[in-house]
Amino acid sequence: MRYVCSFCNSYKGPNIAGYDPQLNKLQRLFNPRSDEWHDHFEWDGAILLGTTAIGRTTVEVLRINAADRVAHRLLLIDSGLFFPTADS
């Protein structure tokens, strides 16, 4: 099971949807109870890519690739504490 940190979740708030930045259409967010992570996301180093409208919208709404978060992930990767893969 995947969890989101409380800081990311504060961006979500009560939202269950947002706008897909690619299609500019309202889209529901990723639901870890019913969606498969690998169907919507993939890692490009420290950057999480949304591969579907649901993934892109979730990354955007939760600000998952904010500069400070990417910098933190890079430090974790360099320290050998985070290993982003297609199925994580």
PDB file of N, CA and C in Angstrom:
ATOM      1  N   MET A   1       0.843  -1.175   0.000  1.00  0.00           N
ATOM      2  CA  MET A   1       0.000   0.000   0.000  1.00  0.00           C
ATOM      3  C   MET A   1       0.889   1.239   0.000  1.00  0.00           C
ATOM      4  N   ARG A   2       0.492   2.244  -0.724  1.00  0.00           N
ATOM      5  CA  ARG A   2       1.231   3.488  -0.801  1.00  0.00           C
ATOM      6  C   ARG A   2       0.531   4.529   0.069  1.00  0.00           C
ATOM      7  N   TYR A   3       1.335   5.347   0.704  1.00  0.00           N
ATOM      8  CA  TYR A   3       0.794   6.402   1.553  1.00  0.00           C
ATOM      9  C   TYR A   3       1.298   7.747   1.056  1.00  0.00           C
ATOM     10  N   VAL A   4       0.571   8.778   1.324  1.00  0.00           N
ATOM     11  CA  VAL A   4       0.995  10.133   0.999  1.00  0.00           C
ATOM     12  C   VAL A   4       1.315  10.833   2.319  1.00  0.00           C
ATOM     13  N   CYS A   5       2.330  11.676   2.278  1.00  0.00           N
ATOM     14  CA  CYS A   5       2.673  12.393   3.509  1.00  0.00           C
ATOM     15  C   CYS A   5       1.587  13.426   3.821  1.00  0.00           C
ATOM     16  N   SER A   6       1.520  13.817   5.070  1.00  0.00           N
ATOM     17  CA  SER A   6       0.475  14.769   5.474  1.00  0.00           C
ATOM     18  C   SER A   6       0.641  16.110   4.774  1.00  0.00           C
ATOM     19  N   PHE A   7       1.877  16.478   4.444  1.00  0.00           N
ATOM     20  CA  PHE A   7       2.111  17.737   3.734  1.00  0.00           C
ATOM     21  C   PHE A   7       1.474  17.686   2.343  1.00  0.00           C
ATOM     22  N   CYS A   8       1.721  16.592   1.598  1.00  0.00           N
ATOM     23  CA  CYS A   8       1.093  16.432   0.275  1.00  0.00           C
ATOM     24  C   CYS A   8      -0.425  16.375   0.406  1.00  0.00           C
ATOM     25  N   ASN A   9      -0.889  15.656   1.415  1.00  0.00           N
ATOM     26  CA  ASN A   9      -2.322  15.502   1.592  1.00  0.00           C
ATOM     27  C   ASN A   9      -2.992  16.836   1.912  1.00  0.00           C
ATOM     28  N   SER A  10      -2.245  17.763   2.507  1.00  0.00           N
ATOM     29  CA  SER A  10      -2.827  19.077   2.786  1.00  0.00           C
ATOM     30  C   SER A  10      -3.154  19.821   1.499  1.00  0.00           C
ATOM     31  N   TYR A  11      -2.416  19.554   0.420  1.00  0.00           N
ATOM     32  CA  TYR A  11      -2.749  20.157  -0.878  1.00  0.00           C
ATOM     33  C   TYR A  11      -4.019  19.538  -1.448  1.00  0.00           C
ATOM     34  N   LYS A  12      -4.208  18.253  -1.183  1.00  0.00           N
ATOM     35  CA  LYS A  12      -5.403  17.582  -1.673  1.00  0.00           C
ATOM     36  C   LYS A  12      -6.627  18.124  -0.964  1.00  0.00           C
ATOM     37  N   GLY A  13      -6.535  18.237   0.363  1.00  0.00           N
ATOM     38  CA  GLY A  13      -7.688  18.704   1.127  1.00  0.00           C
ATOM     39  C   GLY A  13      -8.903  17.861   0.822  1.00  0.00           C
ATOM     40  N   PRO A  14     -10.049  18.482   0.622  1.00  0.00           N
ATOM     41  CA  PRO A  14     -11.264  17.727   0.338  1.00  0.00           C
ATOM     42  C   PRO A  14     -11.426  17.415  -1.152  1.00  0.00           C
ATOM     43  N   ASN A  15     -10.455  17.830  -1.969  1.00  0.00           N
ATOM     44  CA  ASN A  15     -10.584  17.634  -3.412  1.00  0.00           C
ATOM     45  C   ASN A  15     -10.543  16.160  -3.790  1.00  0.00           C
ATOM     46  N   ILE A  16     -11.425  15.777  -4.677  1.00  0.00           N
ATOM     47  CA  ILE A  16     -11.395  14.435  -5.241  1.00  0.00           C
ATOM     48  C   ILE A  16     -11.095  14.512  -6.733  1.00  0.00           C
ATOM     49  N   ALA A  17     -10.865  15.739  -7.211  1.00  0.00           N
ATOM     50  CA  ALA A  17     -10.592  15.948  -8.630  1.00  0.00           C
ATOM     51  C   ALA A  17      -9.740  17.204  -8.795  1.00  0.00           C
ATOM     52  N   GLY A  18      -9.249  17.377  -9.993  1.00  0.00           N
ATOM     53  CA  GLY A  18      -8.478  18.554 -10.357  1.00  0.00           C
ATOM     54  C   GLY A  18      -8.427  18.622 -11.869  1.00  0.00           C
ATOM     55  N   TYR A  19      -7.629  19.529 -12.394  1.00  0.00           N
ATOM     56  CA  TYR A  19      -7.522  19.668 -13.844  1.00  0.00           C
ATOM     57  C   TYR A  19      -6.252  19.009 -14.350  1.00  0.00           C
ATOM     58  N   ASP A  20      -6.430  18.135 -15.318  1.00  0.00           N
ATOM     59  CA  ASP A  20      -5.300  17.512 -15.987  1.00  0.00           C
ATOM     60  C   ASP A  20      -4.540  18.618 -16.712  1.00  0.00           C
ATOM     61  N   PRO A  21      -3.249  18.823 -16.389  1.00  0.00           N
ATOM     62  CA  PRO A  21      -2.499  19.921 -17.004  1.00  0.00           C
ATOM     63  C   PRO A  21      -2.278  19.742 -18.503  1.00  0.00           C
ATOM     64  N   GLN A  22      -2.380  18.538 -18.997  1.00  0.00           N
ATOM     65  CA  GLN A  22      -2.181  18.296 -20.430  1.00  0.00           C
ATOM     66  C   GLN A  22      -3.460  18.524 -21.228  1.00  0.00           C
ATOM     67  N   LEU A  23      -4.582  18.027 -20.720  1.00  0.00           N
ATOM     68  CA  LEU A  23      -5.858  18.126 -21.435  1.00  0.00           C
ATOM     69  C   LEU A  23      -6.722  19.292 -20.968  1.00  0.00           C
ATOM     70  N   ASN A  24      -6.352  19.900 -19.812  1.00  0.00           N
ATOM     71  CA  ASN A  24      -7.128  20.981 -19.215  1.00  0.00           C
ATOM     72  C   ASN A  24      -8.594  20.583 -19.024  1.00  0.00           C
ATOM     73  N   LYS A  25      -8.770  19.338 -18.571  1.00  0.00           N
ATOM     74  CA  LYS A  25     -10.105  18.817 -18.299  1.00  0.00           C
ATOM     75  C   LYS A  25     -10.160  18.342 -16.857  1.00  0.00           C
ATOM     76  N   LEU A  26     -11.331  18.480 -16.260  1.00  0.00           N
ATOM     77  CA  LEU A  26     -11.535  18.000 -14.897  1.00  0.00           C
ATOM     78  C   LEU A  26     -11.352  16.483 -14.863  1.00  0.00           C
ATOM     79  N   GLN A  27     -10.581  16.018 -13.881  1.00  0.00           N
ATOM     80  CA  GLN A  27     -10.265  14.595 -13.780  1.00  0.00           C
ATOM     81  C   GLN A  27     -10.211  14.204 -12.315  1.00  0.00           C
ATOM     82  N   ARG A  28     -10.687  13.033 -11.996  1.00  0.00           N
ATOM     83  CA  ARG A  28     -10.601  12.551 -10.615  1.00  0.00           C
ATOM     84  C   ARG A  28      -9.148  12.270 -10.265  1.00  0.00           C
ATOM     85  N   LEU A  29      -8.867  12.224  -8.965  1.00  0.00           N
ATOM     86  CA  LEU A  29      -7.525  11.915  -8.489  1.00  0.00           C
ATOM     87  C   LEU A  29      -7.339  10.405  -8.353  1.00  0.00           C
ATOM     88  N   PHE A  30      -6.090   9.991  -8.279  1.00  0.00           N
ATOM     89  CA  PHE A  30      -5.732   8.602  -8.041  1.00  0.00           C
ATOM     90  C   PHE A  30      -6.334   8.145  -6.719  1.00  0.00           C
ATOM     91  N   ASN A  31      -6.922   6.961  -6.732  1.00  0.00           N
ATOM     92  CA  ASN A  31      -7.498   6.376  -5.524  1.00  0.00           C
ATOM     93  C   ASN A  31      -6.727   5.092  -5.213  1.00  0.00           C
ATOM     94  N   PRO A  32      -5.900   5.111  -4.170  1.00  0.00           N
ATOM     95  CA  PRO A  32      -5.094   3.927  -3.878  1.00  0.00           C
ATOM     96  C   PRO A  32      -5.901   2.699  -3.484  1.00  0.00           C
ATOM     97  N   ARG A  33      -7.163   2.887  -3.175  1.00  0.00           N
ATOM     98  CA  ARG A  33      -8.009   1.743  -2.819  1.00  0.00           C
ATOM     99  C   ARG A  33      -8.534   1.005  -4.043  1.00  0.00           C
ATOM    100  N   SER A  34      -8.599   1.706  -5.183  1.00  0.00           N
ATOM    101  CA  SER A  34      -9.170   1.062  -6.373  1.00  0.00           C
ATOM    102  C   SER A  34      -8.270   1.131  -7.611  1.00  0.00           C
ATOM    103  N   ASP A  35      -7.275   1.998  -7.606  1.00  0.00           N
ATOM    104  CA  ASP A  35      -6.383   2.149  -8.761  1.00  0.00           C
ATOM    105  C   ASP A  35      -5.052   1.450  -8.513  1.00  0.00           C
ATOM    106  N   GLU A  36      -4.442   0.989  -9.575  1.00  0.00           N
ATOM    107  CA  GLU A  36      -3.102   0.397  -9.508  1.00  0.00           C
ATOM    108  C   GLU A  36      -2.073   1.487  -9.812  1.00  0.00           C
ATOM    109  N   TRP A  37      -1.089   1.635  -8.920  1.00  0.00           N
ATOM    110  CA  TRP A  37      -0.079   2.686  -9.034  1.00  0.00           C
ATOM    111  C   TRP A  37       0.594   2.648 -10.402  1.00  0.00           C
ATOM    112  N   HIS A  38       1.045   1.473 -10.818  1.00  0.00           N
ATOM    113  CA  HIS A  38       1.810   1.354 -12.062  1.00  0.00           C
ATOM    114  C   HIS A  38       0.981   1.650 -13.311  1.00  0.00           C
ATOM    115  N   ASP A  39      -0.331   1.693 -13.190  1.00  0.00           N
ATOM    116  CA  ASP A  39      -1.176   2.062 -14.331  1.00  0.00           C
ATOM    117  C   ASP A  39      -1.191   3.571 -14.577  1.00  0.00           C
ATOM    118  N   HIS A  40      -0.753   4.368 -13.591  1.00  0.00           N
ATOM    119  CA  HIS A  40      -0.901   5.821 -13.676  1.00  0.00           C
ATOM    120  C   HIS A  40       0.391   6.615 -13.488  1.00  0.00           C
ATOM    121  N   PHE A  41       1.450   5.953 -12.999  1.00  0.00           N
ATOM    122  CA  PHE A  41       2.681   6.680 -12.671  1.00  0.00           C
ATOM    123  C   PHE A  41       3.915   5.894 -13.094  1.00  0.00           C
ATOM    124  N   GLU A  42       5.001   6.646 -13.296  1.00  0.00           N
ATOM    125  CA  GLU A  42       6.315   6.030 -13.447  1.00  0.00           C
ATOM    126  C   GLU A  42       7.362   7.046 -13.012  1.00  0.00           C
ATOM    127  N   TRP A  43       8.500   6.547 -12.588  1.00  0.00           N
ATOM    128  CA  TRP A  43       9.584   7.400 -12.131  1.00  0.00           C
ATOM    129  C   TRP A  43      10.526   7.733 -13.270  1.00  0.00           C
ATOM    130  N   ASP A  44      10.987   8.960 -13.298  1.00  0.00           N
ATOM    131  CA  ASP A  44      12.085   9.404 -14.149  1.00  0.00           C
ATOM    132  C   ASP A  44      13.094  10.016 -13.197  1.00  0.00           C
ATOM    133  N   GLY A  45      13.935   9.161 -12.604  1.00  0.00           N
ATOM    134  CA  GLY A  45      14.835   9.631 -11.556  1.00  0.00           C
ATOM    135  C   GLY A  45      14.015  10.051 -10.356  1.00  0.00           C
ATOM    136  N   ALA A  46      14.199  11.291  -9.942  1.00  0.00           N
ATOM    137  CA  ALA A  46      13.484  11.812  -8.767  1.00  0.00           C
ATOM    138  C   ALA A  46      12.145  12.444  -9.122  1.00  0.00           C
ATOM    139  N   ILE A  47      11.789  12.434 -10.384  1.00  0.00           N
ATOM    140  CA  ILE A  47      10.540  13.038 -10.862  1.00  0.00           C
ATOM    141  C   ILE A  47       9.489  11.950 -11.036  1.00  0.00           C
ATOM    142  N   LEU A  48       8.314  12.174 -10.467  1.00  0.00           N
ATOM    143  CA  LEU A  48       7.204  11.253 -10.667  1.00  0.00           C
ATOM    144  C   LEU A  48       6.383  11.743 -11.849  1.00  0.00           C
ATOM    145  N   LEU A  49       6.238  10.888 -12.853  1.00  0.00           N
ATOM    146  CA  LEU A  49       5.472  11.231 -14.042  1.00  0.00           C
ATOM    147  C   LEU A  49       4.094  10.609 -13.969  1.00  0.00           C
ATOM    148  N   GLY A  50       3.086  11.396 -14.273  1.00  0.00           N
ATOM    149  CA  GLY A  50       1.742  10.869 -14.430  1.00  0.00           C
ATOM    150  C   GLY A  50       1.608  10.396 -15.863  1.00  0.00           C
ATOM    151  N   THR A  51       1.299   9.142 -16.065  1.00  0.00           N
ATOM    152  CA  THR A  51       1.219   8.586 -17.408  1.00  0.00           C
ATOM    153  C   THR A  51      -0.201   8.559 -17.961  1.00  0.00           C
ATOM    154  N   THR A  52      -1.148   8.953 -17.137  1.00  0.00           N
ATOM    155  CA  THR A  52      -2.552   9.031 -17.538  1.00  0.00           C
ATOM    156  C   THR A  52      -3.101  10.360 -17.025  1.00  0.00           C
ATOM    157  N   ALA A  53      -4.311  10.677 -17.423  1.00  0.00           N
ATOM    158  CA  ALA A  53      -4.951  11.898 -16.923  1.00  0.00           C
ATOM    159  C   ALA A  53      -5.071  11.854 -15.399  1.00  0.00           C
ATOM    160  N   ILE A  54      -5.407  10.701 -14.858  1.00  0.00           N
ATOM    161  CA  ILE A  54      -5.505  10.551 -13.399  1.00  0.00           C
ATOM    162  C   ILE A  54      -4.152  10.799 -12.755  1.00  0.00           C
ATOM    163  N   GLY A  55      -3.108  10.211 -13.308  1.00  0.00           N
ATOM    164  CA  GLY A  55      -1.767  10.393 -12.760  1.00  0.00           C
ATOM    165  C   GLY A  55      -1.293  11.829 -12.840  1.00  0.00           C
ATOM    166  N   ARG A  56      -1.448  12.443 -14.007  1.00  0.00           N
ATOM    167  CA  ARG A  56      -1.014  13.843 -14.176  1.00  0.00           C
ATOM    168  C   ARG A  56      -1.754  14.773 -13.231  1.00  0.00           C
ATOM    169  N   THR A  57      -3.041  14.571 -13.102  1.00  0.00           N
ATOM    170  CA  THR A  57      -3.851  15.412 -12.219  1.00  0.00           C
ATOM    171  C   THR A  57      -3.419  15.244 -10.770  1.00  0.00           C
ATOM    172  N   THR A  58      -3.173  14.018 -10.355  1.00  0.00           N
ATOM    173  CA  THR A  58      -2.751  13.750  -8.988  1.00  0.00           C
ATOM    174  C   THR A  58      -1.396  14.391  -8.699  1.00  0.00           C
ATOM    175  N   VAL A  59      -0.449  14.236  -9.621  1.00  0.00           N
ATOM    176  CA  VAL A  59       0.872  14.847  -9.452  1.00  0.00           C
ATOM    177  C   VAL A  59       0.734  16.362  -9.331  1.00  0.00           C
ATOM    178  N   GLU A  60      -0.126  16.943 -10.137  1.00  0.00           N
ATOM    179  CA  GLU A  60      -0.323  18.394 -10.138  1.00  0.00           C
ATOM    180  C   GLU A  60      -0.984  18.878  -8.842  1.00  0.00           C
ATOM    181  N   VAL A  61      -2.107  18.260  -8.463  1.00  0.00           N
ATOM    182  CA  VAL A  61      -2.859  18.707  -7.287  1.00  0.00           C
ATOM    183  C   VAL A  61      -2.033  18.539  -6.008  1.00  0.00           C
ATOM    184  N   LEU A  62      -1.338  17.421  -5.883  1.00  0.00           N
ATOM    185  CA  LEU A  62      -0.551  17.165  -4.677  1.00  0.00           C
ATOM    186  C   LEU A  62       0.830  17.820  -4.723  1.00  0.00           C
ATOM    187  N   ARG A  63       1.153  18.479  -5.826  1.00  0.00           N
ATOM    188  CA  ARG A  63       2.443  19.167  -5.995  1.00  0.00           C
ATOM    189  C   ARG A  63       3.611  18.230  -5.699  1.00  0.00           C
ATOM    190  N   ILE A  64       3.500  17.046  -6.220  1.00  0.00           N
ATOM    191  CA  ILE A  64       4.465  15.993  -5.938  1.00  0.00           C
ATOM    192  C   ILE A  64       5.857  16.321  -6.459  1.00  0.00           C
ATOM    193  N   ASN A  65       5.953  17.082  -7.536  1.00  0.00           N
ATOM    194  CA  ASN A  65       7.259  17.412  -8.097  1.00  0.00           C
ATOM    195  C   ASN A  65       7.700  18.841  -7.797  1.00  0.00           C
ATOM    196  N   ALA A  66       7.238  19.377  -6.681  1.00  0.00           N
ATOM    197  CA  ALA A  66       7.719  20.698  -6.254  1.00  0.00           C
ATOM    198  C   ALA A  66       9.238  20.610  -6.076  1.00  0.00           C
ATOM    199  N   ALA A  67       9.918  21.699  -6.335  1.00  0.00           N
ATOM    200  CA  ALA A  67      11.387  21.714  -6.339  1.00  0.00           C
ATOM    201  C   ALA A  67      11.992  21.157  -5.052  1.00  0.00           C
ATOM    202  N   ASP A  68      11.438  21.510  -3.899  1.00  0.00           N
ATOM    203  CA  ASP A  68      12.005  21.013  -2.641  1.00  0.00           C
ATOM    204  C   ASP A  68      11.818  19.510  -2.480  1.00  0.00           C
ATOM    205  N   ARG A  69      10.733  18.988  -2.995  1.00  0.00           N
ATOM    206  CA  ARG A  69      10.497  17.545  -2.902  1.00  0.00           C
ATOM    207  C   ARG A  69      11.427  16.777  -3.826  1.00  0.00           C
ATOM    208  N   VAL A  70      11.624  17.297  -5.023  1.00  0.00           N
ATOM    209  CA  VAL A  70      12.551  16.648  -5.960  1.00  0.00           C
ATOM    210  C   VAL A  70      13.968  16.682  -5.393  1.00  0.00           C
ATOM    211  N   ALA A  71      14.361  17.819  -4.824  1.00  0.00           N
ATOM    212  CA  ALA A  71      15.694  17.930  -4.218  1.00  0.00           C
ATOM    213  C   ALA A  71      15.855  16.918  -3.084  1.00  0.00           C
ATOM    214  N   HIS A  72      14.819  16.751  -2.285  1.00  0.00           N
ATOM    215  CA  HIS A  72      14.860  15.777  -1.183  1.00  0.00           C
ATOM    216  C   HIS A  72      15.001  14.363  -1.738  1.00  0.00           C
ATOM    217  N   ARG A  73      14.240  14.031  -2.770  1.00  0.00           N
ATOM    218  CA  ARG A  73      14.339  12.700  -3.372  1.00  0.00           C
ATOM    219  C   ARG A  73      15.722  12.460  -3.955  1.00  0.00           C
ATOM    220  N   LEU A  74      16.315  13.506  -4.557  1.00  0.00           N
ATOM    221  CA  LEU A  74      17.670  13.361  -5.098  1.00  0.00           C
ATOM    222  C   LEU A  74      18.663  13.034  -3.991  1.00  0.00           C
ATOM    223  N   LEU A  75      18.528  13.678  -2.853  1.00  0.00           N
ATOM    224  CA  LEU A  75      19.395  13.371  -1.712  1.00  0.00           C
ATOM    225  C   LEU A  75      19.199  11.934  -1.242  1.00  0.00           C
ATOM    226  N   LEU A  76      17.961  11.490  -1.198  1.00  0.00           N
ATOM    227  CA  LEU A  76      17.675  10.115  -0.790  1.00  0.00           C
ATOM    228  C   LEU A  76      18.244   9.114  -1.794  1.00  0.00           C
ATOM    229  N   ILE A  77      18.136   9.419  -3.071  1.00  0.00           N
ATOM    230  CA  ILE A  77      18.710   8.546  -4.108  1.00  0.00           C
ATOM    231  C   ILE A  77      20.221   8.494  -3.961  1.00  0.00           C
ATOM    232  N   ASP A  78      20.854   9.659  -3.811  1.00  0.00           N
ATOM    233  CA  ASP A  78      22.314   9.722  -3.654  1.00  0.00           C
ATOM    234  C   ASP A  78      22.782   8.988  -2.405  1.00  0.00           C
ATOM    235  N   SER A  79      21.945   8.951  -1.378  1.00  0.00           N
ATOM    236  CA  SER A  79      22.291   8.280  -0.125  1.00  0.00           C
ATOM    237  C   SER A  79      21.985   6.786  -0.170  1.00  0.00           C
ATOM    238  N   GLY A  80      21.363   6.346  -1.252  1.00  0.00           N
ATOM    239  CA  GLY A  80      20.995   4.938  -1.358  1.00  0.00           C
ATOM    240  C   GLY A  80      19.783   4.558  -0.538  1.00  0.00           C
ATOM    241  N   LEU A  81      18.962   5.542  -0.203  1.00  0.00           N
ATOM    242  CA  LEU A  81      17.779   5.291   0.620  1.00  0.00           C
ATOM    243  C   LEU A  81      16.480   5.278  -0.160  1.00  0.00           C
ATOM    244  N   PHE A  82      16.537   5.644  -1.434  1.00  0.00           N
ATOM    245  CA  PHE A  82      15.338   5.688  -2.265  1.00  0.00           C
ATOM    246  C   PHE A  82      15.719   5.165  -3.636  1.00  0.00           C
ATOM    247  N   PHE A  83      14.965   4.192  -4.086  1.00  0.00           N
ATOM    248  CA  PHE A  83      15.246   3.552  -5.360  1.00  0.00           C
ATOM    249  C   PHE A  83      14.007   3.606  -6.248  1.00  0.00           C
ATOM    250  N   PRO A  84      13.785   4.730  -6.920  1.00  0.00           N
ATOM    251  CA  PRO A  84      12.581   4.840  -7.750  1.00  0.00           C
ATOM    252  C   PRO A  84      12.632   3.856  -8.908  1.00  0.00           C
ATOM    253  N   THR A  85      11.582   3.065  -9.017  1.00  0.00           N
ATOM    254  CA  THR A  85      11.465   2.108 -10.114  1.00  0.00           C
ATOM    255  C   THR A  85      10.075   2.216 -10.687  1.00  0.00           C
ATOM    256  N   ALA A  86       9.865   1.547 -11.784  1.00  0.00           N
ATOM    257  CA  ALA A  86       8.567   1.595 -12.451  1.00  0.00           C
ATOM    258  C   ALA A  86       7.441   1.044 -11.583  1.00  0.00           C
ATOM    259  N   ASP A  87       7.754   0.176 -10.640  1.00  0.00           N
ATOM    260  CA  ASP A  87       6.697  -0.446  -9.847  1.00  0.00           C
ATOM    261  C   ASP A  87       6.710  -0.011  -8.383  1.00  0.00           C
ATOM    262  N   SER A  88       7.317   1.159  -8.091  1.00  0.00           N
ATOM    263  CA  SER A  88       7.327   1.619  -6.687  1.00  0.00           C
ATOM    264  C   SER A  88       6.502   2.861  -6.504  1.00  0.00           C
TER     265      SER A  88
END
